[in-house]
Amino acid sequence: MAKEILTVRDVDEEVWKRFRAMTEEEGMKTGQALSQALDYWVNEKARRRVPDPRRFLRVGGIVKVNGRVSWSEEADKTLYGEGT
C-alpha cells in the first residue's frame, strides 16, 4: 500500500485523543487502526442499508406463464439493486 498523507477536518479532539491512546495500547500504527475503523464503518453502513421504497415500483408483473417463478429474487434484485 502506498503511503499517502491525508488531512481530515472537523475531527473531535477528545475522540481523537482516545483513539490514539487505544492504538498505542494495542501496539498499532494510527493509519492501520484508522483503516480498520473506516472499513468497519463502511461495511456496517452497507449492511444496514435500507432499501429505497421507490424501487419497489419497478417490480415486474407477478403472473408468469413460462419458466420458473422467482418473486422473492426479483423483489430483492429490484429493491436492493443486486446485479445492477
PDB file of N, CA and C in Angstrom:
ATOM      1  N   MET A   1       0.848  -1.172   0.000  1.00  0.00           N
ATOM      2  CA  MET A   1       0.000   0.000   0.000  1.00  0.00           C
ATOM      3  C   MET A   1       0.894   1.236   0.000  1.00  0.00           C
ATOM      4  N   ALA A   2       0.610   2.146  -0.894  1.00  0.00           N
ATOM      5  CA  ALA A   2       1.389   3.376  -0.981  1.00  0.00           C
ATOM      6  C   ALA A   2       1.071   4.281   0.206  1.00  0.00           C
ATOM      7  N   LYS A   3       2.104   4.902   0.735  1.00  0.00           N
ATOM      8  CA  LYS A   3       1.903   5.826   1.853  1.00  0.00           C
ATOM      9  C   LYS A   3       1.461   7.163   1.301  1.00  0.00           C
ATOM     10  N   GLU A   4       0.447   7.703   1.918  1.00  0.00           N
ATOM     11  CA  GLU A   4      -0.101   8.977   1.484  1.00  0.00           C
ATOM     12  C   GLU A   4      -0.447   9.790   2.724  1.00  0.00           C
ATOM     13  N   ILE A   5      -0.207  11.057   2.663  1.00  0.00           N
ATOM     14  CA  ILE A   5      -0.547  11.933   3.781  1.00  0.00           C
ATOM     15  C   ILE A   5      -1.943  12.488   3.527  1.00  0.00           C
ATOM     16  N   LEU A   6      -2.810  12.300   4.505  1.00  0.00           N
ATOM     17  CA  LEU A   6      -4.185  12.769   4.396  1.00  0.00           C
ATOM     18  C   LEU A   6      -4.448  13.818   5.469  1.00  0.00           C
ATOM     19  N   THR A   7      -5.303  14.737   5.153  1.00  0.00           N
ATOM     20  CA  THR A   7      -5.725  15.746   6.117  1.00  0.00           C
ATOM     21  C   THR A   7      -7.228  15.609   6.302  1.00  0.00           C
ATOM     22  N   VAL A   8      -7.644  15.548   7.551  1.00  0.00           N
ATOM     23  CA  VAL A   8      -9.068  15.408   7.852  1.00  0.00           C
ATOM     24  C   VAL A   8      -9.461  16.549   8.775  1.00  0.00           C
ATOM     25  N   ARG A   9     -10.529  17.237   8.405  1.00  0.00           N
ATOM     26  CA  ARG A   9     -11.001  18.362   9.212  1.00  0.00           C
ATOM     27  C   ARG A   9     -12.171  17.937  10.087  1.00  0.00           C
ATOM     28  N   ASP A  10     -12.427  18.747  11.083  1.00  0.00           N
ATOM     29  CA  ASP A  10     -13.597  18.592  11.961  1.00  0.00           C
ATOM     30  C   ASP A  10     -13.611  17.275  12.729  1.00  0.00           C
ATOM     31  N   VAL A  11     -12.440  16.798  13.151  1.00  0.00           N
ATOM     32  CA  VAL A  11     -12.361  15.608  13.988  1.00  0.00           C
ATOM     33  C   VAL A  11     -12.428  16.063  15.434  1.00  0.00           C
ATOM     34  N   ASP A  12     -13.310  15.445  16.203  1.00  0.00           N
ATOM     35  CA  ASP A  12     -13.443  15.791  17.612  1.00  0.00           C
ATOM     36  C   ASP A  12     -12.121  15.479  18.327  1.00  0.00           C
ATOM     37  N   GLU A  13     -11.563  16.488  18.989  1.00  0.00           N
ATOM     38  CA  GLU A  13     -10.240  16.339  19.606  1.00  0.00           C
ATOM     39  C   GLU A  13     -10.218  15.280  20.701  1.00  0.00           C
ATOM     40  N   GLU A  14     -11.259  15.216  21.517  1.00  0.00           N
ATOM     41  CA  GLU A  14     -11.313  14.217  22.588  1.00  0.00           C
ATOM     42  C   GLU A  14     -11.394  12.799  22.020  1.00  0.00           C
ATOM     43  N   VAL A  15     -12.200  12.635  20.985  1.00  0.00           N
ATOM     44  CA  VAL A  15     -12.314  11.318  20.354  1.00  0.00           C
ATOM     45  C   VAL A  15     -10.973  10.919  19.749  1.00  0.00           C
ATOM     46  N   TRP A  16     -10.305  11.880  19.106  1.00  0.00           N
ATOM     47  CA  TRP A  16      -9.004  11.604  18.506  1.00  0.00           C
ATOM     48  C   TRP A  16      -7.991  11.180  19.567  1.00  0.00           C
ATOM     49  N   LYS A  17      -7.973  11.861  20.711  1.00  0.00           N
ATOM     50  CA  LYS A  17      -7.041  11.507  21.789  1.00  0.00           C
ATOM     51  C   LYS A  17      -7.309  10.099  22.307  1.00  0.00           C
ATOM     52  N   ARG A  18      -8.591   9.759  22.484  1.00  0.00           N
ATOM     53  CA  ARG A  18      -8.931   8.409  22.955  1.00  0.00           C
ATOM     54  C   ARG A  18      -8.545   7.363  21.910  1.00  0.00           C
ATOM     55  N   PHE A  19      -8.776   7.690  20.631  1.00  0.00           N
ATOM     56  CA  PHE A  19      -8.418   6.787  19.544  1.00  0.00           C
ATOM     57  C   PHE A  19      -6.910   6.529  19.538  1.00  0.00           C
ATOM     58  N   ARG A  20      -6.130   7.607  19.631  1.00  0.00           N
ATOM     59  CA  ARG A  20      -4.664   7.478  19.633  1.00  0.00           C
ATOM     60  C   ARG A  20      -4.186   6.663  20.827  1.00  0.00           C
ATOM     61  N   ALA A  21      -4.799   6.896  21.995  1.00  0.00           N
ATOM     62  CA  ALA A  21      -4.412   6.143  23.191  1.00  0.00           C
ATOM     63  C   ALA A  21      -4.691   4.659  22.993  1.00  0.00           C
ATOM     64  N   MET A  22      -5.825   4.352  22.390  1.00  0.00           N
ATOM     65  CA  MET A  22      -6.168   2.939  22.162  1.00  0.00           C
ATOM     66  C   MET A  22      -5.233   2.291  21.145  1.00  0.00           C
ATOM     67  N   THR A  23      -4.841   3.033  20.124  1.00  0.00           N
ATOM     68  CA  THR A  23      -3.904   2.455  19.146  1.00  0.00           C
ATOM     69  C   THR A  23      -2.566   2.155  19.800  1.00  0.00           C
ATOM     70  N   GLU A  24      -2.129   3.027  20.698  1.00  0.00           N
ATOM     71  CA  GLU A  24      -0.879   2.782  21.410  1.00  0.00           C
ATOM     72  C   GLU A  24      -0.996   1.560  22.312  1.00  0.00           C
ATOM     73  N   GLU A  25      -2.133   1.424  23.014  1.00  0.00           N
ATOM     74  CA  GLU A  25      -2.351   0.255  23.870  1.00  0.00           C
ATOM     75  C   GLU A  25      -2.306  -1.037  23.069  1.00  0.00           C
ATOM     76  N   GLU A  26      -2.865  -0.993  21.874  1.00  0.00           N
ATOM     77  CA  GLU A  26      -2.911  -2.178  21.011  1.00  0.00           C
ATOM     78  C   GLU A  26      -1.603  -2.404  20.256  1.00  0.00           C
ATOM     79  N   GLY A  27      -0.702  -1.422  20.312  1.00  0.00           N
ATOM     80  CA  GLY A  27       0.562  -1.539  19.597  1.00  0.00           C
ATOM     81  C   GLY A  27       0.396  -1.419  18.085  1.00  0.00           C
ATOM     82  N   MET A  28      -0.613  -0.660  17.679  1.00  0.00           N
ATOM     83  CA  MET A  28      -0.887  -0.493  16.255  1.00  0.00           C
ATOM     84  C   MET A  28      -0.430   0.881  15.796  1.00  0.00           C
ATOM     85  N   LYS A  29      -0.169   0.979  14.509  1.00  0.00           N
ATOM     86  CA  LYS A  29       0.081   2.279  13.912  1.00  0.00           C
ATOM     87  C   LYS A  29      -1.272   2.962  13.734  1.00  0.00           C
ATOM     88  N   THR A  30      -1.276   4.266  13.829  1.00  0.00           N
ATOM     89  CA  THR A  30      -2.521   5.024  13.720  1.00  0.00           C
ATOM     90  C   THR A  30      -3.202   4.772  12.380  1.00  0.00           C
ATOM     91  N   GLY A  31      -2.443   4.739  11.312  1.00  0.00           N
ATOM     92  CA  GLY A  31      -3.014   4.504   9.979  1.00  0.00           C
ATOM     93  C   GLY A  31      -3.697   3.157   9.868  1.00  0.00           C
ATOM     94  N   GLN A  32      -3.079   2.121  10.468  1.00  0.00           N
ATOM     95  CA  GLN A  32      -3.691   0.788  10.445  1.00  0.00           C
ATOM     96  C   GLN A  32      -5.023   0.789  11.188  1.00  0.00           C
ATOM     97  N   ALA A  33      -5.023   1.389  12.367  1.00  0.00           N
ATOM     98  CA  ALA A  33      -6.244   1.427  13.174  1.00  0.00           C
ATOM     99  C   ALA A  33      -7.326   2.252  12.485  1.00  0.00           C
ATOM    100  N   LEU A  34      -6.932   3.351  11.891  1.00  0.00           N
ATOM    101  CA  LEU A  34      -7.897   4.200  11.196  1.00  0.00           C
ATOM    102  C   LEU A  34      -8.469   3.474   9.981  1.00  0.00           C
ATOM    103  N   SER A  35      -7.632   2.752   9.268  1.00  0.00           N
ATOM    104  CA  SER A  35      -8.118   1.965   8.123  1.00  0.00           C
ATOM    105  C   SER A  35      -9.130   0.919   8.577  1.00  0.00           C
ATOM    106  N   GLN A  36      -8.841   0.252   9.690  1.00  0.00           N
ATOM    107  CA  GLN A  36      -9.784  -0.735  10.225  1.00  0.00           C
ATOM    108  C   GLN A  36     -11.094  -0.084  10.628  1.00  0.00           C
ATOM    109  N   ALA A  37     -11.014   1.065  11.274  1.00  0.00           N
ATOM    110  CA  ALA A  37     -12.224   1.772  11.714  1.00  0.00           C
ATOM    111  C   ALA A  37     -13.055   2.214  10.510  1.00  0.00           C
ATOM    112  N   LEU A  38     -12.400   2.746   9.492  1.00  0.00           N
ATOM    113  CA  LEU A  38     -13.113   3.182   8.291  1.00  0.00           C
ATOM    114  C   LEU A  38     -13.747   2.002   7.567  1.00  0.00           C
ATOM    115  N   ASP A  39     -13.011   0.907   7.468  1.00  0.00           N
ATOM    116  CA  ASP A  39     -13.529  -0.285   6.810  1.00  0.00           C
ATOM    117  C   ASP A  39     -14.751  -0.824   7.555  1.00  0.00           C
ATOM    118  N   TYR A  40     -14.661  -0.866   8.873  1.00  0.00           N
ATOM    119  CA  TYR A  40     -15.783  -1.328   9.682  1.00  0.00           C
ATOM    120  C   TYR A  40     -17.006  -0.447   9.459  1.00  0.00           C
ATOM    121  N   TRP A  41     -16.807   0.870   9.485  1.00  0.00           N
ATOM    122  CA  TRP A  41     -17.909   1.817   9.336  1.00  0.00           C
ATOM    123  C   TRP A  41     -18.575   1.660   7.972  1.00  0.00           C
ATOM    124  N   VAL A  42     -17.773   1.571   6.928  1.00  0.00           N
ATOM    125  CA  VAL A  42     -18.312   1.435   5.573  1.00  0.00           C
ATOM    126  C   VAL A  42     -19.099   0.127   5.442  1.00  0.00           C
ATOM    127  N   ASN A  43     -18.544  -0.967   5.932  1.00  0.00           N
ATOM    128  CA  ASN A  43     -19.233  -2.255   5.835  1.00  0.00           C
ATOM    129  C   ASN A  43     -20.508  -2.285   6.666  1.00  0.00           C
ATOM    130  N   GLU A  44     -20.476  -1.678   7.824  1.00  0.00           N
ATOM    131  CA  GLU A  44     -21.663  -1.629   8.686  1.00  0.00           C
ATOM    132  C   GLU A  44     -22.772  -0.818   8.028  1.00  0.00           C
ATOM    133  N   LYS A  45     -22.412   0.306   7.414  1.00  0.00           N
ATOM    134  CA  LYS A  45     -23.408   1.125   6.713  1.00  0.00           C
ATOM    135  C   LYS A  45     -24.010   0.352   5.547  1.00  0.00           C
ATOM    136  N   ALA A  46     -23.178  -0.366   4.816  1.00  0.00           N
ATOM    137  CA  ALA A  46     -23.671  -1.142   3.675  1.00  0.00           C
ATOM    138  C   ALA A  46     -24.605  -2.256   4.150  1.00  0.00           C
ATOM    139  N   ARG A  47     -24.266  -2.869   5.286  1.00  0.00           N
ATOM    140  CA  ARG A  47     -25.086  -3.961   5.809  1.00  0.00           C
ATOM    141  C   ARG A  47     -26.445  -3.464   6.288  1.00  0.00           C
ATOM    142  N   ARG A  48     -26.481  -2.272   6.850  1.00  0.00           N
ATOM    143  CA  ARG A  48     -27.726  -1.731   7.402  1.00  0.00           C
ATOM    144  C   ARG A  48     -28.514  -0.880   6.421  1.00  0.00           C
ATOM    145  N   ARG A  49     -28.063  -0.848   5.183  1.00  0.00           N
ATOM    146  CA  ARG A  49     -28.707  -0.002   4.182  1.00  0.00           C
ATOM    147  C   ARG A  49     -30.181  -0.349   4.047  1.00  0.00           C
ATOM    148  N   VAL A  50     -31.007   0.653   4.101  1.00  0.00           N
ATOM    149  CA  VAL A  50     -32.451   0.487   3.967  1.00  0.00           C
ATOM    150  C   VAL A  50     -32.801   0.658   2.490  1.00  0.00           C
ATOM    151  N   PRO A  51     -33.569  -0.287   1.947  1.00  0.00           N
ATOM    152  CA  PRO A  51     -33.919  -0.167   0.537  1.00  0.00           C
ATOM    153  C   PRO A  51     -34.793   1.052   0.258  1.00  0.00           C
ATOM    154  N   ASP A  52     -34.642   1.599  -0.906  1.00  0.00           N
ATOM    155  CA  ASP A  52     -35.433   2.740  -1.336  1.00  0.00           C
ATOM    156  C   ASP A  52     -36.811   2.225  -1.758  1.00  0.00           C
ATOM    157  N   PRO A  53     -37.879   2.617  -1.069  1.00  0.00           N
ATOM    158  CA  PRO A  53     -39.204   2.086  -1.397  1.00  0.00           C
ATOM    159  C   PRO A  53     -39.650   2.420  -2.818  1.00  0.00           C
ATOM    160  N   ARG A  54     -39.082   3.455  -3.416  1.00  0.00           N
ATOM    161  CA  ARG A  54     -39.459   3.802  -4.784  1.00  0.00           C
ATOM    162  C   ARG A  54     -39.018   2.732  -5.777  1.00  0.00           C
ATOM    163  N   ARG A  55     -37.997   1.972  -5.417  1.00  0.00           N
ATOM    164  CA  ARG A  55     -37.532   0.905  -6.304  1.00  0.00           C
ATOM    165  C   ARG A  55     -38.564  -0.223  -6.403  1.00  0.00           C
ATOM    166  N   PHE A  56     -39.415  -0.329  -5.391  1.00  0.00           N
ATOM    167  CA  PHE A  56     -40.432  -1.374  -5.395  1.00  0.00           C
ATOM    168  C   PHE A  56     -41.379  -1.218  -6.586  1.00  0.00           C
ATOM    169  N   LEU A  57     -41.554   0.002  -7.051  1.00  0.00           N
ATOM    170  CA  LEU A  57     -42.451   0.249  -8.175  1.00  0.00           C
ATOM    171  C   LEU A  57     -41.935  -0.374  -9.463  1.00  0.00           C
ATOM    172  N   ARG A  58     -40.665  -0.742  -9.506  1.00  0.00           N
ATOM    173  CA  ARG A  58     -40.083  -1.352 -10.702  1.00  0.00           C
ATOM    174  C   ARG A  58     -40.256  -2.861 -10.766  1.00  0.00           C
ATOM    175  N   VAL A  59     -40.894  -3.443  -9.750  1.00  0.00           N
ATOM    176  CA  VAL A  59     -41.103  -4.888  -9.754  1.00  0.00           C
ATOM    177  C   VAL A  59     -42.031  -5.237 -10.898  1.00  0.00           C
ATOM    178  N   GLY A  60     -41.619  -6.227 -11.685  1.00  0.00           N
ATOM    179  CA  GLY A  60     -42.421  -6.639 -12.841  1.00  0.00           C
ATOM    180  C   GLY A  60     -43.701  -7.332 -12.414  1.00  0.00           C
ATOM    181  N   GLY A  61     -44.507  -7.710 -13.396  1.00  0.00           N
ATOM    182  CA  GLY A  61     -45.759  -8.408 -13.118  1.00  0.00           C
ATOM    183  C   GLY A  61     -45.537  -9.702 -12.360  1.00  0.00           C
ATOM    184  N   ILE A  62     -46.527 -10.099 -11.608  1.00  0.00           N
ATOM    185  CA  ILE A  62     -46.391 -11.289 -10.779  1.00  0.00           C
ATOM    186  C   ILE A  62     -46.722 -12.568 -11.552  1.00  0.00           C
ATOM    187  N   VAL A  63     -47.630 -12.497 -12.471  1.00  0.00           N
ATOM    188  CA  VAL A  63     -48.033 -13.686 -13.207  1.00  0.00           C
ATOM    189  C   VAL A  63     -46.999 -13.989 -14.282  1.00  0.00           C
ATOM    190  N   LYS A  64     -46.502 -15.248 -14.250  1.00  0.00           N
ATOM    191  CA  LYS A  64     -45.547 -15.692 -15.254  1.00  0.00           C
ATOM    192  C   LYS A  64     -46.087 -16.966 -15.867  1.00  0.00           C
ATOM    193  N   VAL A  65     -46.129 -16.979 -17.167  1.00  0.00           N
ATOM    194  CA  VAL A  65     -46.676 -18.131 -17.859  1.00  0.00           C
ATOM    195  C   VAL A  65     -45.613 -19.201 -18.063  1.00  0.00           C
ATOM    196  N   ASN A  66     -44.439 -18.783 -18.500  1.00  0.00           N
ATOM    197  CA  ASN A  66     -43.368 -19.739 -18.785  1.00  0.00           C
ATOM    198  C   ASN A  66     -42.224 -19.552 -17.796  1.00  0.00           C
ATOM    199  N   GLY A  67     -41.550 -20.643 -17.508  1.00  0.00           N
ATOM    200  CA  GLY A  67     -40.342 -20.557 -16.695  1.00  0.00           C
ATOM    201  C   GLY A  67     -40.614 -20.613 -15.202  1.00  0.00           C
ATOM    202  N   ARG A  68     -39.531 -20.600 -14.478  1.00  0.00           N
ATOM    203  CA  ARG A  68     -39.552 -20.691 -13.025  1.00  0.00           C
ATOM    204  C   ARG A  68     -39.998 -19.352 -12.425  1.00  0.00           C
ATOM    205  N   VAL A  69     -40.809 -19.394 -11.415  1.00  0.00           N
ATOM    206  CA  VAL A  69     -41.258 -18.188 -10.733  1.00  0.00           C
ATOM    207  C   VAL A  69     -40.272 -17.895  -9.605  1.00  0.00           C
ATOM    208  N   SER A  70     -39.746 -16.674  -9.597  1.00  0.00           N
ATOM    209  CA  SER A  70     -38.760 -16.291  -8.572  1.00  0.00           C
ATOM    210  C   SER A  70     -39.111 -14.905  -8.038  1.00  0.00           C
ATOM    211  N   TRP A  71     -40.271 -14.791  -7.445  1.00  0.00           N
ATOM    212  CA  TRP A  71     -40.745 -13.497  -6.970  1.00  0.00           C
ATOM    213  C   TRP A  71     -39.817 -12.891  -5.931  1.00  0.00           C
ATOM    214  N   SER A  72     -39.401 -13.711  -4.991  1.00  0.00           N
ATOM    215  CA  SER A  72     -38.543 -13.205  -3.932  1.00  0.00           C
ATOM    216  C   SER A  72     -37.236 -12.669  -4.500  1.00  0.00           C
ATOM    217  N   GLU A  73     -36.625 -13.427  -5.407  1.00  0.00           N
ATOM    218  CA  GLU A  73     -35.365 -12.989  -6.007  1.00  0.00           C
ATOM    219  C   GLU A  73     -35.561 -11.716  -6.814  1.00  0.00           C
ATOM    220  N   GLU A  74     -36.675 -11.625  -7.535  1.00  0.00           N
ATOM    221  CA  GLU A  74     -36.938 -10.418  -8.334  1.00  0.00           C
ATOM    222  C   GLU A  74     -37.155  -9.203  -7.438  1.00  0.00           C
ATOM    223  N   ALA A  75     -37.881  -9.407  -6.352  1.00  0.00           N
ATOM    224  CA  ALA A  75     -38.118  -8.293  -5.411  1.00  0.00           C
ATOM    225  C   ALA A  75     -36.797  -7.837  -4.802  1.00  0.00           C
ATOM    226  N   ASP A  76     -35.938  -8.790  -4.376  1.00  0.00           N
ATOM    227  CA  ASP A  76     -34.630  -8.436  -3.817  1.00  0.00           C
ATOM    228  C   ASP A  76     -33.792  -7.684  -4.845  1.00  0.00           C
ATOM    229  N   LYS A  77     -33.790  -8.179  -6.062  1.00  0.00           N
ATOM    230  CA  LYS A  77     -32.998  -7.555  -7.112  1.00  0.00           C
ATOM    231  C   LYS A  77     -33.466  -6.119  -7.352  1.00  0.00           C
ATOM    232  N   THR A  78     -34.779  -5.921  -7.348  1.00  0.00           N
ATOM    233  CA  THR A  78     -35.320  -4.599  -7.599  1.00  0.00           C
ATOM    234  C   THR A  78     -35.092  -3.670  -6.408  1.00  0.00           C
ATOM    235  N   LEU A  79     -35.376  -4.147  -5.200  1.00  0.00           N
ATOM    236  CA  LEU A  79     -35.276  -3.307  -4.016  1.00  0.00           C
ATOM    237  C   LEU A  79     -33.841  -3.007  -3.611  1.00  0.00           C
ATOM    238  N   TYR A  80     -32.993  -4.019  -3.656  1.00  0.00           N
ATOM    239  CA  TYR A  80     -31.633  -3.868  -3.157  1.00  0.00           C
ATOM    240  C   TYR A  80     -30.616  -3.600  -4.258  1.00  0.00           C
ATOM    241  N   GLY A  81     -31.033  -3.666  -5.511  1.00  0.00           N
ATOM    242  CA  GLY A  81     -30.135  -3.339  -6.602  1.00  0.00           C
ATOM    243  C   GLY A  81     -29.115  -4.411  -6.910  1.00  0.00           C
ATOM    244  N   GLU A  82     -29.366  -5.633  -6.491  1.00  0.00           N
ATOM    245  CA  GLU A  82     -28.419  -6.707  -6.760  1.00  0.00           C
ATOM    246  C   GLU A  82     -28.364  -6.975  -8.249  1.00  0.00           C
ATOM    247  N   GLY A  83     -27.167  -7.087  -8.763  1.00  0.00           N
ATOM    248  CA  GLY A  83     -26.996  -7.410 -10.173  1.00  0.00           C
ATOM    249  C   GLY A  83     -27.150  -6.226 -11.098  1.00  0.00           C
ATOM    250  N   THR A  84     -27.275  -5.010 -10.536  1.00  0.00           N
ATOM    251  CA  THR A  84     -27.406  -3.832 -11.392  1.00  0.00           C
ATOM    252  C   THR A  84     -26.142  -3.041 -11.392  1.00  0.00           C
TER     253      THR A  84
END
